[in-house]
Protein backbone atom coordinates (compact mmCIF):
# COMPACT_ATOMS: atom_id res chain seq x y z
CA MET A 1 172.69 104.48 64.27
CA ARG A 2 169.42 105.10 66.15
CA ASP A 3 168.35 101.99 68.15
CA MET A 4 165.34 100.10 66.68
CA VAL A 5 162.17 99.89 68.86
CA ILE A 6 162.60 96.25 69.41
CA ALA A 7 165.85 97.04 71.39
CA GLN A 8 163.72 98.99 74.01
CA VAL A 9 162.34 95.65 75.39
CA ALA A 10 165.80 94.81 76.82
CA ARG A 11 166.22 98.39 77.97
CA TRP A 12 162.91 98.24 80.11
CA ALA A 13 163.83 94.78 81.28
CA GLY A 14 167.00 96.23 82.80
CA GLU A 15 165.52 99.48 84.14
CA ILE A 16 161.95 98.32 85.31
CA PRO A 17 162.03 94.52 85.16
CA GLN A 18 158.98 94.17 87.33
CA ALA A 19 156.86 96.49 85.70
CA PRO A 20 153.89 95.04 83.83
CA ALA A 21 154.45 95.37 79.94
CA TYR A 22 151.39 93.09 78.53
CA THR A 23 148.44 91.99 80.23
CA PHE A 24 145.90 89.67 78.40
CA VAL A 25 142.34 89.49 79.64
CA ASP A 26 141.11 86.03 78.80
CA HIS A 27 137.31 86.46 78.59
CA LEU A 28 137.02 83.22 76.73
CA GLY A 29 138.80 81.50 79.61
CA GLY A 30 136.70 82.80 82.61
CA GLY A 31 137.95 86.37 82.72
CA SER A 32 141.41 85.59 84.24
CA ARG A 33 144.25 87.93 83.49
CA HIS A 34 147.71 87.02 82.51
CA THR A 35 150.65 89.50 82.77
CA LEU A 36 154.11 89.50 81.24
CA THR A 37 156.57 92.03 83.00
CA TRP A 38 159.33 93.66 80.95
CA GLY A 39 161.61 91.32 82.55
CA GLY A 40 159.55 88.34 81.63
CA ALA A 41 159.03 89.52 77.99
CA ASP A 42 162.83 89.87 77.46
CA LEU A 43 163.52 86.51 79.00
CA ARG A 44 160.96 84.67 76.93
CA ALA A 45 161.94 86.39 73.74
CA ARG A 46 165.60 85.62 74.40
CA ALA A 47 164.80 82.04 74.99
CA LEU A 48 162.70 81.71 71.86
CA ALA A 49 165.44 83.54 69.79
CA VAL A 50 167.94 80.82 70.86
CA ARG A 51 165.58 78.12 69.88
CA LEU A 52 164.87 79.79 66.50
CA ARG A 53 168.51 80.32 65.56
CA GLU A 54 169.15 76.74 66.25
CA LEU A 55 166.98 76.06 63.26
CA ALA A 56 167.41 79.09 61.02
CA GLY A 57 169.51 81.98 60.01
CA PRO A 58 168.74 85.59 59.80
CA GLY A 59 166.19 86.46 57.17
CA GLU A 60 164.23 83.18 57.15
CA ARG A 61 160.47 83.45 57.45
CA VAL A 62 158.72 82.28 60.68
CA ALA A 63 154.75 82.06 60.57
CA VAL A 64 152.91 82.92 63.62
CA LEU A 65 149.98 80.53 63.87
CA VAL A 66 149.13 81.47 67.58
CA PRO A 67 145.85 82.41 69.27
CA GLN A 68 145.48 85.87 70.67
CA GLY A 69 147.32 86.14 73.92
CA LEU A 70 150.79 86.60 75.48
CA ASP A 71 152.30 83.81 73.45
CA TYR A 72 151.58 85.74 70.34
CA VAL A 73 153.46 88.67 71.78
CA VAL A 74 156.47 86.50 72.62
CA ALA A 75 156.33 84.89 69.23
CA MET A 76 156.67 88.29 67.64
CA LEU A 77 159.36 89.49 69.95
CA GLY A 78 161.45 86.34 69.80
CA THR A 79 161.45 86.35 66.14
CA MET A 80 162.51 89.91 65.78
CA TYR A 81 165.29 89.26 68.55
CA ALA A 82 166.59 86.36 66.41
CA ARG A 83 166.66 88.56 63.24
CA LEU A 84 164.29 86.27 61.53
CA VAL A 85 161.22 87.66 59.55
CA ALA A 86 157.99 87.08 61.34
CA VAL A 87 154.70 86.38 59.39
CA PRO A 88 151.97 87.46 61.74
CA LEU A 89 148.99 85.24 61.00
CA PHE A 90 146.53 83.47 63.18
CA ALA A 91 145.66 79.98 64.27
CA PRO A 92 143.39 77.95 62.01
CA GLY A 93 139.62 77.96 62.57
CA LEU A 94 139.04 81.80 62.51
CA PRO A 95 135.59 81.97 60.70
CA GLY A 96 135.59 83.37 57.26
CA HIS A 97 139.35 83.69 56.99
CA ALA A 98 140.44 80.13 55.91
CA GLU A 99 141.18 81.16 52.47
CA ARG A 100 143.13 84.24 53.44
CA LEU A 101 145.26 81.98 55.86
CA ALA A 102 146.06 79.49 53.23
CA GLY A 103 147.01 82.10 50.70
CA ALA A 104 149.29 84.14 53.00
CA TYR A 105 150.98 81.03 54.35
CA ALA A 106 151.71 79.57 50.86
CA ASP A 107 153.07 83.01 49.72
CA ALA A 108 155.29 83.35 52.64
CA ASP A 109 156.62 79.91 52.52
CA PRO A 110 157.83 79.76 56.07
CA LEU A 111 160.81 77.79 57.35
CA ILE A 112 159.18 77.57 60.83
CA VAL A 113 155.83 77.77 62.35
CA LEU A 114 155.25 78.91 65.68
CA THR A 115 151.96 77.91 67.57
CA THR A 116 150.86 76.96 71.06
CA THR A 117 150.12 73.53 72.64
CA ALA A 118 146.49 74.07 72.68
CA ALA A 119 146.42 75.25 69.04
CA LEU A 120 148.73 72.44 67.86
CA PRO A 121 146.08 69.97 66.77
CA THR A 122 144.36 72.53 64.46
CA VAL A 123 147.65 73.76 63.14
CA THR A 124 148.64 70.13 62.41
CA GLY A 125 145.53 69.57 60.48
CA PHE A 126 146.05 72.82 58.52
CA LEU A 127 149.60 71.92 57.69
CA GLU A 128 148.43 68.56 56.12
CA ALA A 129 146.79 70.42 53.32
CA ALA A 130 149.60 73.06 53.01
CA ARG A 131 153.33 72.96 52.19
CA ALA A 132 154.79 71.79 55.57
CA PRO A 133 157.41 73.82 57.18
CA LYS A 134 160.64 72.16 58.29
CA HIS A 135 159.88 72.88 61.77
CA VAL A 136 156.99 73.54 64.22
CA ILE A 137 157.80 75.06 67.64
CA THR A 138 155.11 75.53 70.41
CA VAL A 139 156.03 78.82 72.11
CA ASP A 140 154.60 78.00 75.51
CA THR A 141 156.93 75.15 75.91
CA VAL A 142 160.19 76.84 75.06
CA SER A 143 162.33 76.88 78.38
CA GLY A 144 163.33 80.06 79.85
CA LEU A 145 166.64 78.43 80.83
CA LEU A 146 167.75 78.99 77.11
CA ALA A 147 167.74 82.76 77.64
CA ASP A 148 171.07 83.00 79.11
CA GLU A 149 172.54 81.38 75.89
CA TRP A 150 171.37 84.34 73.89
CA GLU A 151 174.05 86.63 72.51
CA HIS A 152 172.73 90.05 71.54
CA GLU A 153 172.86 90.87 67.84
CA PRO A 154 172.20 94.48 66.69
CA VAL A 155 169.29 94.92 64.41
CA GLY A 156 169.64 97.39 61.63
CA PRO A 157 166.92 99.68 60.00
CA ASP A 158 166.98 97.82 56.79
CA ASP A 159 166.59 94.42 58.32
CA LEU A 160 163.13 92.95 57.61
CA ALA A 161 161.05 92.74 60.69
CA TYR A 162 157.92 91.06 59.49
CA LEU A 163 155.74 90.57 56.43
CA GLN A 164 152.35 92.30 57.03
CA TYR A 165 149.73 90.78 54.83
CA THR A 166 147.11 93.25 53.56
CA SER A 167 143.47 92.93 54.38
CA GLY A 168 142.61 92.00 50.75
CA SER A 169 139.70 94.58 50.23
CA THR A 170 140.69 95.15 46.55
CA ARG A 171 143.46 92.68 45.64
CA THR A 172 144.71 89.28 46.72
CA PRO A 173 146.39 89.65 50.14
CA ALA A 174 150.09 90.49 49.67
CA GLY A 175 152.94 90.41 52.21
CA VAL A 176 154.22 93.97 52.91
CA GLU A 177 157.98 93.98 53.74
CA ILE A 178 158.05 96.05 57.05
CA THR A 179 161.58 96.86 57.98
CA HIS A 180 162.72 97.50 61.53
CA GLY A 181 163.28 101.15 60.32
CA ASN A 182 159.76 101.38 59.08
CA LEU A 183 158.27 100.05 62.32
CA THR A 184 160.41 102.29 64.51
CA ALA A 185 159.45 105.39 62.41
CA ASN A 186 155.76 104.68 62.42
CA VAL A 187 155.71 104.03 66.25
CA THR A 188 157.61 107.21 66.86
CA GLN A 189 155.26 109.27 64.68
CA LEU A 190 152.25 107.73 66.62
CA TRP A 191 153.93 108.37 70.05
CA GLU A 192 154.79 112.07 69.25
CA LEU A 193 151.50 112.85 67.58
CA PHE A 194 149.44 111.53 70.53
CA ARG A 195 151.84 112.81 73.25
CA ALA A 196 151.81 109.61 75.26
CA ARG A 197 153.57 109.57 78.68
CA PRO A 198 156.29 106.99 79.33
CA ARG A 199 155.47 104.36 81.87
CA THR A 200 151.93 106.12 82.54
CA SER A 201 149.87 105.96 79.46
CA VAL A 202 148.07 102.49 78.86
CA ALA A 203 147.00 100.95 75.58
CA ALA A 204 143.66 99.07 75.95
CA LEU A 205 142.72 97.18 72.85
CA TRP A 206 140.77 94.18 71.51
CA LEU A 207 142.22 94.29 67.85
CA PRO A 208 143.61 91.14 66.27
CA LEU A 209 147.34 90.98 66.61
CA PHE A 210 147.82 89.85 63.05
CA HIS A 211 146.16 92.89 61.82
CA ASP A 212 148.52 96.00 61.16
CA MET A 213 146.75 98.23 63.63
CA GLY A 214 146.44 95.72 66.39
CA LEU A 215 150.07 94.74 65.97
CA VAL A 216 151.63 98.18 66.08
CA ALA A 217 149.31 99.48 68.81
CA THR A 218 149.41 96.39 71.11
CA VAL A 219 152.83 95.02 70.57
CA ALA A 220 155.06 97.74 69.42
CA MET A 221 153.72 101.09 70.92
CA PRO A 222 154.41 100.10 74.58
CA MET A 223 158.02 99.59 73.84
CA MET A 224 158.41 103.24 73.32
CA GLY A 225 158.03 104.32 76.91
CA GLY A 226 157.85 101.21 79.09
CA ASN A 227 154.04 101.33 79.00
CA LEU A 228 151.35 98.79 79.69
CA ALA A 229 149.28 97.17 76.90
CA ALA A 230 146.16 95.50 78.17
CA PHE A 231 144.22 93.48 75.53
CA MET A 232 141.65 90.78 74.88
CA ASP A 233 140.32 88.63 72.07
CA PRO A 234 138.33 90.14 69.30
CA VAL A 235 135.69 87.50 69.92
CA ALA A 236 135.35 88.56 73.52
CA PHE A 237 134.64 92.09 72.28
CA VAL A 238 131.99 90.92 69.78
CA MET A 239 130.29 88.89 72.32
CA ARG A 240 130.08 91.67 74.80
CA PRO A 241 131.46 95.04 73.51
CA VAL A 242 131.08 96.53 77.14
CA ARG A 243 134.21 94.54 78.02
CA TRP A 244 136.13 96.76 76.06
CA LEU A 245 134.72 99.96 77.66
CA ARG A 246 135.26 98.41 81.04
CA LEU A 247 138.88 97.84 80.35
CA LEU A 248 139.09 101.49 79.41
CA SER A 249 137.45 102.56 82.55
CA GLU A 250 140.19 101.04 84.64
CA TYR A 251 142.88 103.69 83.63
CA ASP A 252 143.28 107.35 84.08
CA ASP A 253 145.43 107.81 80.90
CA VAL A 254 144.28 105.30 78.19
CA PHE A 255 144.62 104.95 74.38
CA THR A 256 142.64 102.72 72.20
CA GLY A 257 141.32 102.28 68.81
CA GLY A 258 139.25 100.31 66.30
CA PRO A 259 137.45 100.30 63.02
CA ASN A 260 134.27 102.37 62.43
CA PHE A 261 132.03 99.42 62.67
CA ALA A 262 133.30 98.79 66.13
CA TYR A 263 132.12 102.10 67.42
CA GLU A 264 128.68 101.72 65.69
CA TYR A 265 128.33 98.26 67.08
CA THR A 266 129.38 99.22 70.66
CA ALA A 267 126.84 102.29 70.82
CA ALA A 268 124.07 100.02 69.64
CA ARG A 269 124.82 97.03 71.90
CA VAL A 270 125.76 98.36 75.35
CA THR A 271 122.79 98.76 77.51
CA PRO A 272 121.82 101.57 79.88
CA GLU A 273 122.57 99.17 82.85
CA GLU A 274 126.08 98.40 81.53
CA LYS A 275 126.67 102.15 81.03
CA ALA A 276 126.19 102.87 84.73
CA GLY A 277 129.37 101.32 85.87
CA LEU A 278 131.57 103.02 83.19
CA ASP A 279 134.11 105.84 83.53
CA LEU A 280 135.54 106.88 80.36
CA SER A 281 136.97 110.26 81.45
CA GLY A 282 140.55 108.76 81.28
CA VAL A 283 140.35 107.97 77.58
CA ARG A 284 142.72 110.34 75.71
CA VAL A 285 142.45 108.79 72.15
CA MET A 286 140.01 106.66 70.53
CA LEU A 287 141.56 106.10 67.07
CA ASN A 288 138.93 105.44 64.51
CA GLY A 289 140.60 103.98 61.23
CA ALA A 290 140.85 100.94 58.98
CA GLU A 291 137.60 101.76 57.09
CA PRO A 292 135.60 104.92 56.17
CA VAL A 293 134.85 106.99 59.30
CA ARG A 294 131.08 107.93 59.28
CA PRO A 295 129.83 111.17 60.85
CA GLY A 296 126.80 109.31 62.08
CA THR A 297 128.98 107.01 63.97
CA ILE A 298 130.85 109.50 65.75
CA GLU A 299 127.58 111.37 66.79
CA ALA A 300 125.92 108.20 68.06
CA PHE A 301 128.91 106.98 69.99
CA ASP A 302 129.60 110.36 71.65
CA ALA A 303 125.84 110.72 72.47
CA ALA A 304 125.73 107.10 73.91
CA PHE A 305 128.76 107.59 76.21
CA ALA A 306 128.86 111.22 77.08
CA GLY A 307 127.26 110.45 80.30
CA CYS A 308 130.01 108.01 81.17
CA GLY A 309 132.58 110.98 81.17
CA LEU A 310 133.73 110.50 77.46
CA ARG A 311 135.09 113.62 75.92
CA PRO A 312 134.28 114.54 72.34
CA GLU A 313 137.84 115.22 71.62
CA ALA A 314 138.82 111.77 72.39
CA HIS A 315 137.46 110.47 69.09
CA THR A 316 140.38 110.52 66.63
CA PRO A 317 139.65 109.90 63.02
CA ALA A 318 142.65 108.45 61.19
CA TYR A 319 143.93 107.10 57.86
CA GLY A 320 146.46 104.37 57.21
CA LEU A 321 147.47 101.36 55.39
CA ALA A 322 149.69 98.32 55.65
CA GLU A 323 152.19 99.71 52.96
CA ALA A 324 152.92 102.63 55.12
CA THR A 325 153.35 100.19 58.34
CA VAL A 326 149.91 101.48 59.61
CA PHE A 327 149.56 105.12 60.38
CA VAL A 328 149.50 108.00 57.88
CA THR A 329 147.23 110.79 59.13
CA ALA A 330 145.05 111.45 62.25
CA THR A 331 143.35 114.26 63.92
CA GLY A 332 145.58 115.74 66.75
CA ARG A 333 145.05 114.87 70.27
CA ASP A 334 142.47 116.86 72.00
CA GLU A 335 141.05 118.01 68.85
CA ARG A 336 137.40 117.42 67.90
CA PRO A 337 136.65 115.58 64.65
CA VAL A 338 136.18 117.77 61.71
CA VAL A 339 133.19 117.02 59.57
CA THR A 340 132.60 118.74 56.42
CA SER A 341 129.56 118.63 53.73
CA PHE A 342 130.62 118.76 50.15
CA ASP A 343 128.40 119.08 47.09
CA ARG A 344 127.67 115.59 46.05
CA ASP A 345 127.72 116.32 42.29
CA ALA A 346 130.91 118.35 42.37
CA LEU A 347 132.55 115.57 44.38
CA ARG A 348 131.64 113.02 41.70
CA GLU A 349 133.37 115.41 39.21
CA GLY A 350 136.48 115.38 41.36
CA ARG A 351 136.04 118.72 43.04
CA ALA A 352 135.52 119.36 46.85
CA VAL A 353 133.07 122.26 47.03
CA PRO A 354 131.34 123.08 50.36
CA ALA A 355 127.63 122.02 50.04
CA GLY A 356 124.83 124.58 49.34
CA THR A 357 121.31 123.60 49.23
CA GLY A 358 121.74 120.60 46.92
CA ALA A 359 122.57 116.96 47.54
CA ARG A 360 125.58 116.51 49.80
CA SER A 361 128.28 114.09 50.81
CA THR A 362 129.34 114.58 54.41
CA LEU A 363 132.92 113.51 55.14
CA VAL A 364 134.93 113.12 58.32
CA SER A 365 138.43 114.57 58.00
CA CYS A 366 141.32 112.10 58.80
CA GLY A 367 143.48 114.97 59.90
CA ARG A 368 147.16 115.68 58.88
CA PRO A 369 150.35 113.72 58.57
CA HIS A 370 152.97 113.57 61.33
CA GLY A 371 156.54 112.70 60.30
CA GLN A 372 155.65 112.09 56.72
CA LEU A 373 154.40 113.69 53.57
CA VAL A 374 150.96 113.32 51.87
CA ARG A 375 150.06 114.59 48.48
CA VAL A 376 147.03 114.10 46.21
CA ALA A 377 147.93 113.30 42.61
CA GLY A 378 146.36 112.85 39.22
CA PRO A 379 146.61 109.76 37.14
CA ASP A 380 149.64 111.28 35.37
CA GLY A 381 151.57 111.79 38.64
CA ARG A 382 151.07 115.51 38.90
CA PRO A 383 150.08 116.90 42.16
CA LEU A 384 146.76 118.36 42.50
CA PRO A 385 145.92 121.53 44.27
CA ASP A 386 143.64 121.46 47.53
CA GLY A 387 140.06 121.03 46.59
CA GLU A 388 140.76 118.49 43.77
CA VAL A 389 140.01 114.76 44.11
CA GLY A 390 142.82 112.38 43.25
CA GLU A 391 145.06 109.36 44.48
CA ILE A 392 146.50 109.74 47.85
CA TRP A 393 150.49 109.44 47.70
CA VAL A 394 152.71 109.08 50.70
CA GLN A 395 156.42 109.52 51.49
CA GLY A 396 158.14 108.83 54.70
CA PRO A 397 160.58 106.58 56.60
CA ASN A 398 157.48 104.48 57.59
CA VAL A 399 156.79 103.49 53.96
CA ALA A 400 157.59 99.95 53.08
CA ARG A 401 159.97 99.19 50.16
CA ALA A 402 158.12 96.35 48.29
CA TYR A 403 155.78 93.40 48.56
CA TRP A 404 157.12 89.94 49.20
CA ARG A 405 158.27 88.25 46.13
CA ASP A 406 156.81 91.42 44.30
CA PRO A 407 158.48 94.89 43.86
CA GLY A 408 155.09 96.42 43.64
CA ARG A 409 155.70 98.23 40.47
CA GLY A 410 153.32 101.24 40.19
CA VAL A 411 152.80 101.04 44.06
CA PHE A 412 156.17 101.75 45.56
CA GLY A 413 158.62 104.10 44.44
CA ALA A 414 156.34 106.14 42.37
CA VAL A 415 157.68 109.62 40.75
CA LEU A 416 155.55 112.65 41.67
CA GLU A 417 156.22 115.53 39.33
CA GLY A 418 158.42 118.23 41.00
CA ALA A 419 159.09 116.20 43.97
CA GLU A 420 162.14 114.29 45.06
CA GLY A 421 162.25 110.76 46.11
CA GLY A 422 159.94 107.73 45.63
CA TRP A 423 156.38 107.75 46.80
CA LEU A 424 153.67 105.26 47.73
CA ARG A 425 150.67 105.26 45.58
CA THR A 426 147.85 104.06 47.90
CA GLY A 427 145.09 103.30 45.67
CA ASP A 428 142.94 105.45 47.73
CA LEU A 429 141.08 108.54 46.50
CA GLY A 430 141.09 111.52 48.62
CA VAL A 431 141.15 115.36 48.73
CA LEU A 432 143.03 117.90 50.77
CA HIS A 433 140.63 120.67 52.11
CA ASP A 434 141.93 123.42 54.43
CA GLY A 435 145.03 121.32 54.80
CA ARG A 436 143.06 118.30 56.15
CA LEU A 437 142.78 114.99 54.36
CA TYR A 438 139.50 113.51 53.39
CA VAL A 439 139.33 110.10 51.92
CA THR A 440 136.69 109.59 49.45
CA GLY A 441 136.99 105.98 48.52
CA ARG A 442 139.14 103.40 46.68
CA ILE A 443 140.00 103.85 43.04
CA LYS A 444 139.18 100.02 42.25
CA ASP A 445 135.76 100.24 43.99
CA LEU A 446 134.48 103.20 42.26
CA VAL A 447 131.10 102.60 40.54
CA ILE A 448 131.02 104.28 37.11
CA VAL A 449 127.62 104.12 35.37
CA ASP A 450 126.99 106.07 32.31
CA GLY A 451 130.12 107.99 32.63
CA ARG A 452 129.41 109.21 36.12
CA ASN A 453 131.36 108.30 39.23
CA HIS A 454 129.64 107.02 42.34
CA TYR A 455 131.20 106.15 45.69
CA PRO A 456 130.16 102.73 46.87
CA GLN A 457 130.04 103.74 50.55
CA ASP A 458 127.61 106.47 49.72
CA ILE A 459 125.24 104.11 48.08
CA GLU A 460 125.59 101.65 50.92
CA VAL A 461 124.51 104.16 53.59
CA THR A 462 121.44 105.02 51.43
CA VAL A 463 120.50 101.38 51.13
CA GLN A 464 121.04 100.67 54.90
CA GLU A 465 118.77 103.54 55.91
CA ALA A 466 116.18 102.69 53.30
CA HIS A 467 114.50 99.98 55.23
CA PRO A 468 114.93 98.58 58.64
CA ALA A 469 115.13 94.92 57.23
CA VAL A 470 118.88 96.03 55.99
CA ARG A 471 121.37 95.14 58.44
CA ARG A 472 123.54 98.17 59.05
CA ASP A 473 127.31 97.85 57.85
CA ARG A 474 126.54 94.70 55.92
CA VAL A 475 125.86 96.22 52.55
CA ALA A 476 128.09 95.90 49.31
CA ALA A 477 127.61 98.12 46.30
CA PHE A 478 129.49 97.35 43.16
CA ALA A 479 129.56 97.65 39.35
CA LEU A 480 128.73 94.60 37.15
CA SER A 481 130.27 94.71 33.72
CA LEU A 482 127.77 93.73 31.00
CA GLU A 483 128.13 93.32 27.26
CA GLU A 484 129.28 96.41 25.13
CA ALA A 485 131.33 97.75 27.96
CA GLN A 486 128.25 98.76 29.97
CA GLU A 487 128.37 98.72 33.80
CA ARG A 488 125.35 98.46 36.00
CA LEU A 489 124.88 98.63 39.85
CA VAL A 490 124.45 95.64 41.93
CA VAL A 491 123.75 95.86 45.74
CA VAL A 492 123.86 93.00 48.15
CA ALA A 493 122.43 93.47 51.63
CA GLU A 494 122.14 91.17 54.82
CA ARG A 495 118.80 90.94 56.48
CA SER A 496 118.88 92.46 59.99
CA ARG A 497 117.58 90.61 62.86
CA HIS A 498 114.39 92.66 62.95
CA GLY A 499 113.81 92.09 59.22
CA LEU A 500 113.56 88.36 59.21
CA GLY A 501 109.89 88.32 58.41
CA ALA A 502 109.94 91.53 55.97
CA ASP A 503 108.79 90.92 52.49
CA ALA A 504 111.67 90.88 50.11
CA GLY A 505 109.99 92.68 47.46
CA GLU A 506 109.00 95.47 49.74
CA VAL A 507 112.51 96.00 50.96
CA GLY A 508 113.80 95.84 47.26
CA ARG A 509 111.31 98.52 46.33
CA ALA A 510 112.36 100.74 49.10
CA VAL A 511 116.03 100.31 48.29
CA ARG A 512 115.52 101.08 44.59
CA ALA A 513 113.50 104.21 45.26
CA ALA A 514 116.11 105.43 47.84
CA VAL A 515 119.05 104.94 45.46
CA GLN A 516 117.20 106.55 42.61
CA LYS A 517 116.15 109.63 44.73
CA PHE A 518 119.53 110.33 46.25
CA HIS A 519 121.94 109.14 43.64
CA ASP A 520 119.95 109.37 40.29
CA LEU A 521 121.01 105.91 39.69
CA SER A 522 119.16 102.63 38.79
CA VAL A 523 119.84 99.44 40.79
CA HIS A 524 120.38 96.68 38.06
CA ASP A 525 120.03 93.96 40.82
CA PHE A 526 119.32 93.95 44.55
CA VAL A 527 120.08 90.81 46.43
CA LEU A 528 118.77 90.42 50.07
CA THR A 529 120.83 87.62 51.77
CA GLY A 530 121.33 85.95 55.00
CA ALA A 531 123.51 87.11 57.99
CA GLY A 532 127.23 86.55 57.56
CA THR A 533 127.09 86.38 53.85
CA VAL A 534 128.66 89.74 52.83
CA PRO A 535 132.36 89.14 52.95
CA ARG A 536 134.60 91.48 55.12
CA THR A 537 138.34 91.66 55.47
CA SER A 538 140.39 91.07 58.46
CA SER A 539 140.06 94.85 59.37
CA GLY A 540 136.36 94.75 58.93
CA LYS A 541 136.11 96.44 55.55
CA ILE A 542 133.54 95.34 53.13
CA ALA A 543 135.17 93.24 50.66
CA ARG A 544 133.35 94.30 47.45
CA ARG A 545 135.39 92.54 44.87
CA ALA A 546 134.88 89.35 46.79
CA CYS A 547 131.37 89.90 47.09
CA LEU A 548 131.21 90.39 43.19
CA ARG A 549 132.87 86.98 42.82
CA ALA A 550 130.44 85.39 45.18
CA TYR A 551 127.52 87.04 43.28
CA LEU A 552 128.68 85.67 39.96
CA GLU A 553 129.22 82.38 41.23
CA GLY A 554 125.77 82.24 42.89
CA ALA A 555 127.42 81.68 46.20
CA LEU A 556 125.53 84.12 48.31
CA ALA A 557 123.70 82.05 50.93
CA GLY A 558 120.02 82.38 51.60
CA SER A 559 119.79 85.21 48.77
CA THR A 560 116.71 86.57 47.06
CA GLY A 561 117.13 88.81 44.18
CA VAL A 562 114.48 91.45 44.20
């Protein structure tokens, strides 16, 4: 049986015990750096595993309510060492995510909660209103002396490693059952595709560790080759995005990633003076995933940092989802992103036809799969030929088996006509063109008005470009069901900082005219609202269904219907 990736920690602790494994750059604590060597990571993981097994047996759930930092890494490693099931969450107090934390915690129903001394007061307050676990452990107070008591237990590929709660863009967050075999397979796929070099390549990231991309890229990937992961708090990135680029500039062979909005945000916020000290020539892969990849974002980011040595080939569009651990497809290393313009009307009808002189939808390819299979299928489970839009189906050793407490009927184990084995139905729409995958949207988000399909992200781009008072990447377009089974378009948009004094009526007229012109679609209601109102998921996606609920409940703060 092949060793699981978690076993690599002990291997590197034996071969290169003093080599750095994880470095946390604590910008919120004055910029100090804290490093765990491979020897230190293994020792603390063994010590925590001993403490956990004093309280629980294999298979019990352990909720990780730990702030971003090295203690989070130790919490995940120790739980997996102990053959318990980690539930990567976050310490209470994260703005906009209280409901998600409460829901995921209640669904997982953990026996043990891991936290830190600093976070204990807020965790205690949270647990007063939740079903209390039997035990709460502060990771930072577990004595390393316990490590010698640990007796190694082999981990099998079918053993559950953790429950990865989905971001909740189109459904209530659900815990995906990720086995050690799933994690090992997906990390191997990423490692091979991007040709990382053992003990040399560095991962430099700011992604939250409770998110699937952050967890796999920051905690698991370095285990493959005894590499270093340097990371920071997402809040530190949002406050000053140049911190991310400065971290990348420190290394000659560095990998990173983030959602599309992060690249757009960074290109807009980093000043010419800050760029002067950057050297991005060592960046090998900048994974762009977790939400639709926009061609304008790639162009803007490349133009903004070409003078800092950034290679266009470094930008790597990708597609993935928690139900497949995280990674499904990506552009290959040293390949430039492939951008294709399709005829918009044909795309609405389910056909990907290269654009002529008419209206067009320009999409970025998310590349090809590696170590797994991807097909596009119709509603009847029949595979569709290249050029036809349908649901993206995935099969591979990285695909999870079920949701926690829910077998996921209709999602996992689906039957594809003419193919063997079970398949994952992703709920995403896409098309294969020239062998590359293009993601066109989510089935549940599709806006259908008068029998015609409209992709909400296309409408949202039109809206944000219609008037400078509309804040970029803070627009939600969705269908409102009326009587007699009619659906009408509603658009909610946040005001930009530059548009605080703009007349709402003027903005509304500009938006309605643009949507009518480019989509031949009338806006039933346009709502201009305050900053921070449009809900987003933990991965940065626009949570359109949550926005619809807020709209119906009249809960959009500072809103003006125009």
